[in-house]
Amino acid sequence: MPLWLAGEPLVLASKSASRYAILRDAGIPVAVEPADIDERAIEQRSAKQDAGELAAVLAREKARTIAA
């Protein structure tokens, strides 16, 4: 059974070549649409958060940007 069951590819809102390669190599169809956000500004606003919380904030911001 394949890992990705959706009819559409997973949208990767990142320019990360390594993330793309991991998903592709896992057999997941990927559409790369990098989100144009200022990650450094978000990191500075979220300085008191731990790494996991910061990753979640960045992921939400990227998803919001791409969804718009």
N, C-alpha and C. Protein backbone atom coordinates (compact mmCIF):
# COMPACT_ATOMS: atom_id res chain seq x y z
N MET A 1 0.85 -1.18 0.00
CA MET A 1 0.00 0.00 0.00
C MET A 1 0.89 1.24 0.00
N PRO A 2 0.62 2.20 -0.87
CA PRO A 2 1.45 3.42 -0.92
C PRO A 2 1.26 4.28 0.32
N LEU A 3 2.28 5.09 0.60
CA LEU A 3 2.22 6.00 1.75
C LEU A 3 1.24 7.14 1.52
N TRP A 4 1.14 7.62 0.29
CA TRP A 4 0.33 8.78 -0.03
C TRP A 4 -0.92 8.33 -0.77
N LEU A 5 -2.08 8.53 -0.17
CA LEU A 5 -3.32 8.04 -0.76
C LEU A 5 -4.16 9.13 -1.42
N ALA A 6 -3.78 10.38 -1.22
CA ALA A 6 -4.54 11.49 -1.81
C ALA A 6 -4.38 11.50 -3.32
N GLY A 7 -5.37 12.05 -4.00
CA GLY A 7 -5.32 12.13 -5.44
C GLY A 7 -4.40 13.22 -5.96
N GLU A 8 -4.10 14.19 -5.13
CA GLU A 8 -3.23 15.30 -5.49
C GLU A 8 -1.87 15.15 -4.78
N PRO A 9 -0.82 15.73 -5.35
CA PRO A 9 0.49 15.64 -4.68
C PRO A 9 0.53 16.45 -3.38
N LEU A 10 1.42 16.10 -2.52
CA LEU A 10 1.70 16.85 -1.30
C LEU A 10 2.36 18.16 -1.70
N VAL A 11 1.91 19.26 -1.13
CA VAL A 11 2.52 20.56 -1.43
C VAL A 11 3.62 20.81 -0.41
N LEU A 12 4.83 20.95 -0.90
CA LEU A 12 5.98 21.27 -0.06
C LEU A 12 6.23 22.77 -0.19
N ALA A 13 5.96 23.50 0.89
CA ALA A 13 6.08 24.97 0.86
C ALA A 13 7.48 25.39 1.27
N SER A 14 8.46 24.70 0.74
CA SER A 14 9.86 24.92 1.11
C SER A 14 10.74 24.72 -0.12
N LYS A 15 11.89 25.39 -0.11
CA LYS A 15 12.88 25.20 -1.19
C LYS A 15 13.88 24.11 -0.83
N SER A 16 13.67 23.43 0.28
CA SER A 16 14.62 22.45 0.78
C SER A 16 14.76 21.25 -0.17
N ALA A 17 15.93 21.14 -0.77
CA ALA A 17 16.19 20.01 -1.67
C ALA A 17 16.20 18.69 -0.91
N SER A 18 16.68 18.71 0.33
CA SER A 18 16.73 17.47 1.10
C SER A 18 15.32 17.00 1.50
N ARG A 19 14.45 17.92 1.88
CA ARG A 19 13.06 17.53 2.20
C ARG A 19 12.37 16.98 0.96
N TYR A 20 12.58 17.62 -0.16
CA TYR A 20 12.00 17.14 -1.42
C TYR A 20 12.49 15.73 -1.73
N ALA A 21 13.80 15.52 -1.59
CA ALA A 21 14.38 14.21 -1.91
C ALA A 21 13.85 13.12 -0.99
N ILE A 22 13.69 13.42 0.29
CA ILE A 22 13.16 12.43 1.24
C ILE A 22 11.75 12.02 0.83
N LEU A 23 10.91 13.00 0.54
CA LEU A 23 9.52 12.70 0.15
C LEU A 23 9.47 11.95 -1.17
N ARG A 24 10.23 12.42 -2.15
CA ARG A 24 10.26 11.76 -3.47
C ARG A 24 10.75 10.32 -3.34
N ASP A 25 11.82 10.13 -2.58
CA ASP A 25 12.39 8.79 -2.43
C ASP A 25 11.46 7.85 -1.67
N ALA A 26 10.54 8.43 -0.88
CA ALA A 26 9.55 7.63 -0.18
C ALA A 26 8.36 7.29 -1.08
N GLY A 27 8.39 7.81 -2.31
CA GLY A 27 7.33 7.52 -3.26
C GLY A 27 6.13 8.44 -3.13
N ILE A 28 6.32 9.57 -2.45
CA ILE A 28 5.23 10.52 -2.27
C ILE A 28 5.30 11.56 -3.38
N PRO A 29 4.22 11.74 -4.14
CA PRO A 29 4.23 12.77 -5.18
C PRO A 29 4.25 14.16 -4.52
N VAL A 30 5.16 15.00 -4.99
CA VAL A 30 5.39 16.29 -4.36
C VAL A 30 5.28 17.42 -5.38
N ALA A 31 4.56 18.48 -4.99
CA ALA A 31 4.53 19.73 -5.75
C ALA A 31 5.25 20.77 -4.90
N VAL A 32 6.34 21.30 -5.42
CA VAL A 32 7.13 22.29 -4.67
C VAL A 32 6.60 23.69 -4.97
N GLU A 33 6.13 24.37 -3.91
CA GLU A 33 5.63 25.74 -4.01
C GLU A 33 6.21 26.52 -2.83
N PRO A 34 7.45 27.00 -2.93
CA PRO A 34 8.07 27.69 -1.80
C PRO A 34 7.27 28.90 -1.34
N ALA A 35 7.06 28.98 -0.04
CA ALA A 35 6.35 30.12 0.55
C ALA A 35 7.31 31.29 0.68
N ASP A 36 6.87 32.44 0.26
CA ASP A 36 7.69 33.65 0.34
C ASP A 36 7.42 34.33 1.68
N ILE A 37 8.08 33.81 2.73
CA ILE A 37 7.94 34.40 4.06
C ILE A 37 9.32 34.73 4.60
N ASP A 38 9.37 35.63 5.56
CA ASP A 38 10.63 36.00 6.21
C ASP A 38 10.80 35.12 7.45
N GLU A 39 11.45 33.97 7.26
CA GLU A 39 11.61 33.03 8.37
C GLU A 39 12.39 33.62 9.53
N ARG A 40 13.38 34.44 9.24
CA ARG A 40 14.19 35.04 10.32
C ARG A 40 13.35 35.96 11.19
N ALA A 41 12.46 36.73 10.59
CA ALA A 41 11.58 37.62 11.36
C ALA A 41 10.65 36.80 12.25
N ILE A 42 10.14 35.70 11.71
CA ILE A 42 9.26 34.83 12.51
C ILE A 42 10.05 34.21 13.65
N GLU A 43 11.27 33.78 13.38
CA GLU A 43 12.12 33.20 14.44
C GLU A 43 12.38 34.22 15.54
N GLN A 44 12.62 35.47 15.17
CA GLN A 44 12.87 36.50 16.18
C GLN A 44 11.63 36.76 17.01
N ARG A 45 10.45 36.80 16.39
CA ARG A 45 9.20 37.00 17.13
C ARG A 45 8.90 35.82 18.04
N SER A 46 9.41 34.65 17.69
CA SER A 46 9.12 33.42 18.42
C SER A 46 10.32 32.95 19.23
N ALA A 47 11.19 33.85 19.61
CA ALA A 47 12.46 33.50 20.24
C ALA A 47 12.30 32.69 21.53
N LYS A 48 11.21 32.87 22.25
CA LYS A 48 11.04 32.17 23.52
C LYS A 48 10.49 30.75 23.36
N GLN A 49 10.16 30.36 22.14
CA GLN A 49 9.61 29.03 21.90
C GLN A 49 10.72 28.01 21.69
N ASP A 50 10.43 26.75 22.04
CA ASP A 50 11.42 25.71 21.79
C ASP A 50 11.41 25.36 20.29
N ALA A 51 12.34 24.52 19.89
CA ALA A 51 12.52 24.21 18.47
C ALA A 51 11.26 23.60 17.84
N GLY A 52 10.58 22.72 18.57
CA GLY A 52 9.37 22.10 18.04
C GLY A 52 8.25 23.10 17.83
N GLU A 53 8.07 24.01 18.79
CA GLU A 53 7.05 25.04 18.65
C GLU A 53 7.37 25.98 17.50
N LEU A 54 8.64 26.35 17.36
CA LEU A 54 9.06 27.22 16.27
C LEU A 54 8.81 26.55 14.92
N ALA A 55 9.12 25.26 14.82
CA ALA A 55 8.87 24.54 13.57
C ALA A 55 7.38 24.55 13.22
N ALA A 56 6.52 24.41 14.23
CA ALA A 56 5.08 24.43 14.01
C ALA A 56 4.62 25.81 13.55
N VAL A 57 5.17 26.87 14.15
CA VAL A 57 4.81 28.24 13.74
C VAL A 57 5.22 28.48 12.29
N LEU A 58 6.43 28.09 11.94
CA LEU A 58 6.90 28.27 10.56
C LEU A 58 6.04 27.47 9.58
N ALA A 59 5.69 26.24 9.95
CA ALA A 59 4.85 25.41 9.07
C ALA A 59 3.48 26.05 8.86
N ARG A 60 2.88 26.58 9.93
CA ARG A 60 1.58 27.25 9.79
C ARG A 60 1.67 28.47 8.89
N GLU A 61 2.72 29.27 9.08
CA GLU A 61 2.87 30.47 8.26
C GLU A 61 3.07 30.12 6.79
N LYS A 62 3.84 29.08 6.52
CA LYS A 62 4.06 28.65 5.15
C LYS A 62 2.75 28.14 4.55
N ALA A 63 1.99 27.37 5.32
CA ALA A 63 0.71 26.83 4.83
C ALA A 63 -0.27 27.95 4.54
N ARG A 64 -0.34 28.94 5.44
CA ARG A 64 -1.24 30.08 5.22
C ARG A 64 -0.87 30.84 3.94
N THR A 65 0.41 31.04 3.76
CA THR A 65 0.88 31.78 2.59
C THR A 65 0.55 31.05 1.30
N ILE A 66 0.81 29.77 1.26
CA ILE A 66 0.55 28.97 0.06
C ILE A 66 -0.95 28.84 -0.18
N ALA A 67 -1.74 28.68 0.88
CA ALA A 67 -3.19 28.54 0.74
C ALA A 67 -3.84 29.80 0.20
N ALA A 68 -3.24 30.95 0.52
CA ALA A 68 -3.80 32.22 0.05
C ALA A 68 -3.55 32.33 -1.42
